Amino acid sequence: MTGIAKLSLVIHAGDFSRVHYALVMASAAAAVGKPVTILWAGGSVRMLAKGWVKPDEDHRVKALRVAGFEDLLAACRDLGIRMLVCETALALAELKPERLRDDLTLETAGAVTFLNDAAATGEMLFV
């Protein structure tokens, strides 16, 4: 196996284009056989809430025949990417874990869990 051993990705920004590309990177890494863990933190946790309304940018992305937000989340799920949701970010967003989507396997955790999951020869990205 060449390249990194694992990708550990913190999605902190709530900006659609940043989150979209983070999901592109995560799904691409998983598609080529790299283990991936995502920690949803900061403003990004709102994007996992039931009923979150995607911005117009998602419609534009799909019109250009690029995978949209839902396509990328489904790919991440289907490729077995581990998804952690930061407990602190949920508290700051006043969002209870039961209000998160139930079509994804989301683990409520924190920075310690995320860091313990990272690989010494892996790559860590903060978006």
N, C-alpha and C. Protein backbone atom coordinates (compact mmCIF):
# COMPACT_ATOMS: atom_id res chain seq x y z
N MET A 1 0.85 -1.17 0.00
CA MET A 1 0.00 0.00 0.00
C MET A 1 0.89 1.23 0.00
N THR A 2 0.62 2.16 -0.88
CA THR A 2 1.42 3.38 -0.95
C THR A 2 0.62 4.55 -0.40
N GLY A 3 1.33 5.65 -0.14
CA GLY A 3 0.66 6.85 0.35
C GLY A 3 0.38 6.75 1.84
N ILE A 4 -0.57 7.53 2.26
CA ILE A 4 -0.90 7.59 3.69
C ILE A 4 -1.59 6.30 4.14
N ALA A 5 -1.47 6.02 5.43
CA ALA A 5 -2.11 4.84 5.99
C ALA A 5 -3.58 5.10 6.29
N LYS A 6 -3.91 6.35 6.63
CA LYS A 6 -5.27 6.68 7.03
C LYS A 6 -5.48 8.19 6.89
N LEU A 7 -6.73 8.58 6.62
CA LEU A 7 -7.09 9.99 6.58
C LEU A 7 -8.00 10.29 7.76
N SER A 8 -7.60 11.24 8.57
CA SER A 8 -8.41 11.73 9.69
C SER A 8 -8.77 13.17 9.36
N LEU A 9 -10.04 13.43 9.27
CA LEU A 9 -10.52 14.70 8.73
C LEU A 9 -11.45 15.39 9.73
N VAL A 10 -11.11 16.62 10.11
CA VAL A 10 -11.98 17.43 10.95
C VAL A 10 -12.71 18.39 10.04
N ILE A 11 -14.04 18.28 9.99
CA ILE A 11 -14.84 19.23 9.23
C ILE A 11 -15.42 20.20 10.24
N HIS A 12 -14.86 21.39 10.31
CA HIS A 12 -15.24 22.39 11.29
C HIS A 12 -16.11 23.48 10.69
N ALA A 13 -15.77 23.88 9.49
CA ALA A 13 -16.49 24.99 8.84
C ALA A 13 -17.92 24.58 8.50
N GLY A 14 -18.80 25.54 8.58
CA GLY A 14 -20.18 25.31 8.17
C GLY A 14 -20.43 25.77 6.75
N ASP A 15 -19.36 26.17 6.06
CA ASP A 15 -19.44 26.65 4.69
C ASP A 15 -19.64 25.47 3.74
N PHE A 16 -20.67 25.55 2.90
CA PHE A 16 -21.03 24.43 2.04
C PHE A 16 -19.88 23.98 1.15
N SER A 17 -19.19 24.89 0.48
CA SER A 17 -18.15 24.49 -0.45
C SER A 17 -17.00 23.78 0.26
N ARG A 18 -16.66 24.21 1.45
CA ARG A 18 -15.60 23.53 2.21
C ARG A 18 -16.04 22.13 2.63
N VAL A 19 -17.26 22.01 3.12
CA VAL A 19 -17.76 20.70 3.54
C VAL A 19 -17.88 19.78 2.33
N HIS A 20 -18.39 20.32 1.23
CA HIS A 20 -18.54 19.53 0.01
C HIS A 20 -17.20 18.94 -0.40
N TYR A 21 -16.15 19.76 -0.44
CA TYR A 21 -14.87 19.24 -0.88
C TYR A 21 -14.24 18.31 0.15
N ALA A 22 -14.49 18.54 1.41
CA ALA A 22 -14.00 17.61 2.44
C ALA A 22 -14.62 16.23 2.22
N LEU A 23 -15.90 16.19 1.86
CA LEU A 23 -16.56 14.92 1.58
C LEU A 23 -16.02 14.28 0.30
N VAL A 24 -15.65 15.11 -0.67
CA VAL A 24 -15.00 14.59 -1.89
C VAL A 24 -13.69 13.90 -1.50
N MET A 25 -12.88 14.56 -0.70
CA MET A 25 -11.59 13.99 -0.28
C MET A 25 -11.78 12.71 0.53
N ALA A 26 -12.73 12.73 1.45
CA ALA A 26 -12.98 11.55 2.29
C ALA A 26 -13.44 10.37 1.44
N SER A 27 -14.40 10.58 0.56
CA SER A 27 -14.91 9.47 -0.25
C SER A 27 -13.85 8.98 -1.24
N ALA A 28 -13.03 9.88 -1.77
CA ALA A 28 -11.96 9.47 -2.68
C ALA A 28 -10.94 8.60 -1.95
N ALA A 29 -10.55 9.01 -0.76
CA ALA A 29 -9.58 8.23 0.02
C ALA A 29 -10.14 6.84 0.32
N ALA A 30 -11.40 6.79 0.74
CA ALA A 30 -12.02 5.50 1.04
C ALA A 30 -12.15 4.64 -0.21
N ALA A 31 -12.43 5.26 -1.34
CA ALA A 31 -12.60 4.53 -2.60
C ALA A 31 -11.30 3.85 -3.04
N VAL A 32 -10.16 4.42 -2.66
CA VAL A 32 -8.89 3.79 -3.01
C VAL A 32 -8.33 2.95 -1.86
N GLY A 33 -9.19 2.63 -0.90
CA GLY A 33 -8.84 1.68 0.14
C GLY A 33 -8.22 2.24 1.40
N LYS A 34 -8.24 3.56 1.58
CA LYS A 34 -7.69 4.15 2.80
C LYS A 34 -8.77 4.24 3.86
N PRO A 35 -8.48 3.87 5.08
CA PRO A 35 -9.45 4.08 6.15
C PRO A 35 -9.61 5.58 6.38
N VAL A 36 -10.83 6.00 6.68
CA VAL A 36 -11.12 7.42 6.88
C VAL A 36 -12.00 7.59 8.11
N THR A 37 -11.67 8.59 8.91
CA THR A 37 -12.53 9.01 10.02
C THR A 37 -12.77 10.50 9.86
N ILE A 38 -14.03 10.88 9.98
CA ILE A 38 -14.41 12.30 9.94
C ILE A 38 -14.91 12.69 11.32
N LEU A 39 -14.42 13.82 11.82
CA LEU A 39 -14.98 14.43 13.02
C LEU A 39 -15.73 15.67 12.57
N TRP A 40 -17.05 15.64 12.69
CA TRP A 40 -17.89 16.80 12.40
C TRP A 40 -17.84 17.69 13.63
N ALA A 41 -17.40 18.93 13.46
CA ALA A 41 -17.23 19.84 14.58
C ALA A 41 -17.72 21.23 14.18
N GLY A 42 -17.63 22.18 15.09
CA GLY A 42 -18.02 23.56 14.77
C GLY A 42 -19.38 23.65 14.11
N GLY A 43 -19.48 24.56 13.15
CA GLY A 43 -20.74 24.80 12.47
C GLY A 43 -21.20 23.68 11.55
N SER A 44 -20.30 22.77 11.22
CA SER A 44 -20.68 21.68 10.30
C SER A 44 -21.72 20.74 10.90
N VAL A 45 -21.82 20.66 12.22
CA VAL A 45 -22.77 19.71 12.83
C VAL A 45 -24.22 20.03 12.44
N ARG A 46 -24.50 21.29 12.16
CA ARG A 46 -25.87 21.66 11.76
C ARG A 46 -26.28 20.98 10.46
N MET A 47 -25.30 20.67 9.61
CA MET A 47 -25.58 20.02 8.34
C MET A 47 -26.03 18.58 8.50
N LEU A 48 -25.86 18.04 9.69
CA LEU A 48 -26.28 16.67 9.97
C LEU A 48 -27.64 16.59 10.65
N ALA A 49 -28.23 17.74 10.92
CA ALA A 49 -29.53 17.77 11.59
C ALA A 49 -30.63 17.33 10.64
N LYS A 50 -31.60 16.61 11.18
CA LYS A 50 -32.77 16.26 10.39
C LYS A 50 -33.43 17.54 9.91
N GLY A 51 -33.77 17.58 8.64
CA GLY A 51 -34.46 18.75 8.10
C GLY A 51 -33.57 19.89 7.67
N TRP A 52 -32.23 19.72 7.77
CA TRP A 52 -31.34 20.78 7.31
C TRP A 52 -31.58 21.03 5.82
N VAL A 53 -31.73 22.27 5.46
CA VAL A 53 -32.01 22.64 4.07
C VAL A 53 -30.70 22.98 3.37
N LYS A 54 -30.43 22.23 2.30
CA LYS A 54 -29.21 22.46 1.53
C LYS A 54 -29.27 23.81 0.83
N PRO A 55 -28.14 24.48 0.73
CA PRO A 55 -28.13 25.79 0.06
C PRO A 55 -28.28 25.63 -1.46
N ASP A 56 -28.57 26.73 -2.13
CA ASP A 56 -28.71 26.72 -3.59
C ASP A 56 -27.45 26.20 -4.28
N GLU A 57 -26.32 26.38 -3.65
CA GLU A 57 -25.07 25.92 -4.25
C GLU A 57 -25.10 24.42 -4.53
N ASP A 58 -25.79 23.65 -3.71
CA ASP A 58 -25.89 22.20 -3.94
C ASP A 58 -26.64 21.92 -5.24
N HIS A 59 -27.68 22.69 -5.52
CA HIS A 59 -28.43 22.51 -6.77
C HIS A 59 -27.54 22.84 -7.97
N ARG A 60 -26.72 23.88 -7.84
CA ARG A 60 -25.82 24.27 -8.91
C ARG A 60 -24.77 23.19 -9.16
N VAL A 61 -24.24 22.62 -8.09
CA VAL A 61 -23.23 21.56 -8.19
C VAL A 61 -23.82 20.37 -8.95
N LYS A 62 -25.02 19.96 -8.57
CA LYS A 62 -25.66 18.82 -9.23
C LYS A 62 -26.00 19.12 -10.68
N ALA A 63 -26.40 20.36 -10.97
CA ALA A 63 -26.70 20.75 -12.35
C ALA A 63 -25.46 20.64 -13.24
N LEU A 64 -24.29 20.78 -12.63
CA LEU A 64 -23.03 20.66 -13.35
C LEU A 64 -22.53 19.22 -13.39
N ARG A 65 -23.38 18.30 -12.96
CA ARG A 65 -23.09 16.86 -12.95
C ARG A 65 -21.94 16.48 -12.03
N VAL A 66 -21.88 17.19 -10.91
CA VAL A 66 -20.92 16.90 -9.85
C VAL A 66 -21.73 16.32 -8.70
N ALA A 67 -21.16 15.38 -7.99
CA ALA A 67 -21.86 14.77 -6.87
C ALA A 67 -22.28 15.83 -5.86
N GLY A 68 -23.54 15.78 -5.47
CA GLY A 68 -24.07 16.72 -4.49
C GLY A 68 -23.82 16.24 -3.07
N PHE A 69 -24.26 17.03 -2.13
CA PHE A 69 -24.07 16.75 -0.70
C PHE A 69 -24.59 15.37 -0.32
N GLU A 70 -25.83 15.06 -0.70
CA GLU A 70 -26.42 13.77 -0.34
C GLU A 70 -25.68 12.61 -1.00
N ASP A 71 -25.26 12.79 -2.25
CA ASP A 71 -24.51 11.75 -2.95
C ASP A 71 -23.21 11.45 -2.22
N LEU A 72 -22.53 12.49 -1.80
CA LEU A 72 -21.25 12.32 -1.11
C LEU A 72 -21.43 11.70 0.28
N LEU A 73 -22.46 12.12 1.00
CA LEU A 73 -22.72 11.51 2.30
C LEU A 73 -23.04 10.02 2.15
N ALA A 74 -23.84 9.70 1.13
CA ALA A 74 -24.18 8.29 0.88
C ALA A 74 -22.93 7.49 0.52
N ALA A 75 -22.04 8.08 -0.28
CA ALA A 75 -20.79 7.41 -0.63
C ALA A 75 -19.95 7.17 0.62
N CYS A 76 -19.86 8.17 1.48
CA CYS A 76 -19.11 8.02 2.73
C CYS A 76 -19.70 6.90 3.58
N ARG A 77 -21.00 6.86 3.67
CA ARG A 77 -21.67 5.80 4.44
C ARG A 77 -21.38 4.44 3.82
N ASP A 78 -21.58 4.34 2.50
CA ASP A 78 -21.43 3.06 1.82
C ASP A 78 -19.98 2.57 1.79
N LEU A 79 -19.03 3.48 1.84
CA LEU A 79 -17.61 3.12 1.85
C LEU A 79 -17.09 2.84 3.26
N GLY A 80 -17.96 2.94 4.25
CA GLY A 80 -17.59 2.58 5.61
C GLY A 80 -16.78 3.62 6.36
N ILE A 81 -16.91 4.86 5.97
CA ILE A 81 -16.19 5.94 6.66
C ILE A 81 -16.78 6.12 8.06
N ARG A 82 -15.91 6.18 9.04
CA ARG A 82 -16.35 6.40 10.41
C ARG A 82 -16.65 7.88 10.59
N MET A 83 -17.84 8.19 11.12
CA MET A 83 -18.24 9.59 11.31
C MET A 83 -18.53 9.85 12.78
N LEU A 84 -17.70 10.73 13.34
CA LEU A 84 -17.87 11.17 14.72
C LEU A 84 -18.49 12.57 14.70
N VAL A 85 -19.33 12.85 15.69
CA VAL A 85 -19.92 14.18 15.83
C VAL A 85 -19.48 14.71 17.18
N CYS A 86 -18.83 15.86 17.16
CA CYS A 86 -18.27 16.45 18.37
C CYS A 86 -19.35 16.81 19.39
N GLU A 87 -19.20 16.30 20.60
CA GLU A 87 -20.14 16.59 21.68
C GLU A 87 -20.20 18.08 21.99
N THR A 88 -19.05 18.72 22.02
CA THR A 88 -19.00 20.15 22.33
C THR A 88 -19.72 20.96 21.25
N ALA A 89 -19.47 20.62 19.99
CA ALA A 89 -20.12 21.34 18.89
C ALA A 89 -21.63 21.17 18.95
N LEU A 90 -22.09 19.98 19.29
CA LEU A 90 -23.54 19.77 19.44
C LEU A 90 -24.10 20.66 20.54
N ALA A 91 -23.40 20.73 21.66
CA ALA A 91 -23.86 21.56 22.77
C ALA A 91 -23.91 23.03 22.37
N LEU A 92 -22.86 23.50 21.69
CA LEU A 92 -22.82 24.90 21.27
C LEU A 92 -23.88 25.23 20.23
N ALA A 93 -24.25 24.23 19.42
CA ALA A 93 -25.29 24.43 18.41
C ALA A 93 -26.68 24.19 18.99
N GLU A 94 -26.72 23.84 20.30
CA GLU A 94 -27.98 23.51 20.97
C GLU A 94 -28.74 22.45 20.19
N LEU A 95 -28.00 21.41 19.81
CA LEU A 95 -28.52 20.33 19.00
C LEU A 95 -28.33 19.02 19.75
N LYS A 96 -29.41 18.32 20.01
CA LYS A 96 -29.37 17.04 20.71
C LYS A 96 -29.05 15.93 19.71
N PRO A 97 -28.31 14.89 20.13
CA PRO A 97 -27.97 13.80 19.23
C PRO A 97 -29.19 13.16 18.55
N GLU A 98 -30.31 13.12 19.23
CA GLU A 98 -31.52 12.52 18.63
C GLU A 98 -32.10 13.35 17.48
N ARG A 99 -31.64 14.58 17.33
CA ARG A 99 -32.08 15.42 16.22
C ARG A 99 -31.20 15.27 14.98
N LEU A 100 -30.18 14.37 15.08
CA LEU A 100 -29.31 14.12 13.94
C LEU A 100 -29.94 13.10 12.99
N ARG A 101 -29.50 13.12 11.76
CA ARG A 101 -30.00 12.19 10.74
C ARG A 101 -29.85 10.76 11.24
N ASP A 102 -30.80 9.93 10.86
CA ASP A 102 -30.72 8.53 11.26
C ASP A 102 -30.37 7.60 10.09
N ASP A 103 -30.08 8.16 8.93
CA ASP A 103 -29.67 7.35 7.78
C ASP A 103 -28.16 7.18 7.72
N LEU A 104 -27.45 7.77 8.67
CA LEU A 104 -25.99 7.67 8.75
C LEU A 104 -25.62 7.09 10.11
N THR A 105 -24.51 6.40 10.18
CA THR A 105 -24.00 5.94 11.46
C THR A 105 -23.11 7.04 12.03
N LEU A 106 -23.67 7.77 12.98
CA LEU A 106 -22.98 8.91 13.58
C LEU A 106 -22.71 8.59 15.04
N GLU A 107 -21.45 8.70 15.43
CA GLU A 107 -21.07 8.46 16.82
C GLU A 107 -20.83 9.80 17.50
N THR A 108 -21.47 10.02 18.63
CA THR A 108 -21.20 11.22 19.41
C THR A 108 -19.91 10.97 20.18
N ALA A 109 -18.94 11.84 19.98
CA ALA A 109 -17.62 11.65 20.59
C ALA A 109 -16.96 13.01 20.73
N GLY A 110 -15.68 12.99 21.02
CA GLY A 110 -14.95 14.24 21.18
C GLY A 110 -13.55 14.14 20.62
N ALA A 111 -12.77 15.14 20.92
CA ALA A 111 -11.41 15.24 20.38
C ALA A 111 -10.53 14.07 20.81
N VAL A 112 -10.69 13.60 22.04
CA VAL A 112 -9.86 12.50 22.52
C VAL A 112 -10.13 11.23 21.69
N THR A 113 -11.38 10.93 21.47
CA THR A 113 -11.73 9.76 20.65
C THR A 113 -11.16 9.91 19.24
N PHE A 114 -11.31 11.09 18.66
CA PHE A 114 -10.80 11.34 17.32
C PHE A 114 -9.28 11.16 17.26
N LEU A 115 -8.57 11.75 18.20
CA LEU A 115 -7.11 11.66 18.20
C LEU A 115 -6.62 10.25 18.47
N ASN A 116 -7.30 9.52 19.33
CA ASN A 116 -6.93 8.12 19.58
C ASN A 116 -7.18 7.25 18.36
N ASP A 117 -8.09 7.65 17.49
CA ASP A 117 -8.42 6.90 16.28
C ASP A 117 -7.41 7.16 15.15
N ALA A 118 -6.72 8.29 15.19
CA ALA A 118 -5.80 8.67 14.12
C ALA A 118 -4.61 7.72 14.07
N ALA A 119 -4.02 7.59 12.87
CA ALA A 119 -2.87 6.72 12.68
C ALA A 119 -1.58 7.54 12.69
N ALA A 120 -0.53 6.97 13.25
CA ALA A 120 0.76 7.66 13.30
C ALA A 120 1.29 7.97 11.91
N THR A 121 0.99 7.13 10.95
CA THR A 121 1.46 7.35 9.58
C THR A 121 0.34 7.87 8.68
N GLY A 122 -0.70 8.36 9.32
CA GLY A 122 -1.82 8.91 8.56
C GLY A 122 -1.68 10.40 8.35
N GLU A 123 -2.70 10.95 7.73
CA GLU A 123 -2.74 12.38 7.45
C GLU A 123 -3.95 12.97 8.16
N MET A 124 -3.77 14.13 8.78
CA MET A 124 -4.87 14.80 9.46
C MET A 124 -5.13 16.12 8.75
N LEU A 125 -6.37 16.35 8.36
CA LEU A 125 -6.77 17.59 7.70
C LEU A 125 -7.84 18.29 8.52
N PHE A 126 -7.76 19.61 8.55
CA PHE A 126 -8.74 20.43 9.26
C PHE A 126 -9.37 21.37 8.23
N VAL A 127 -10.68 21.22 8.05
CA VAL A 127 -11.39 22.02 7.05
C VAL A 127 -12.38 22.92 7.77
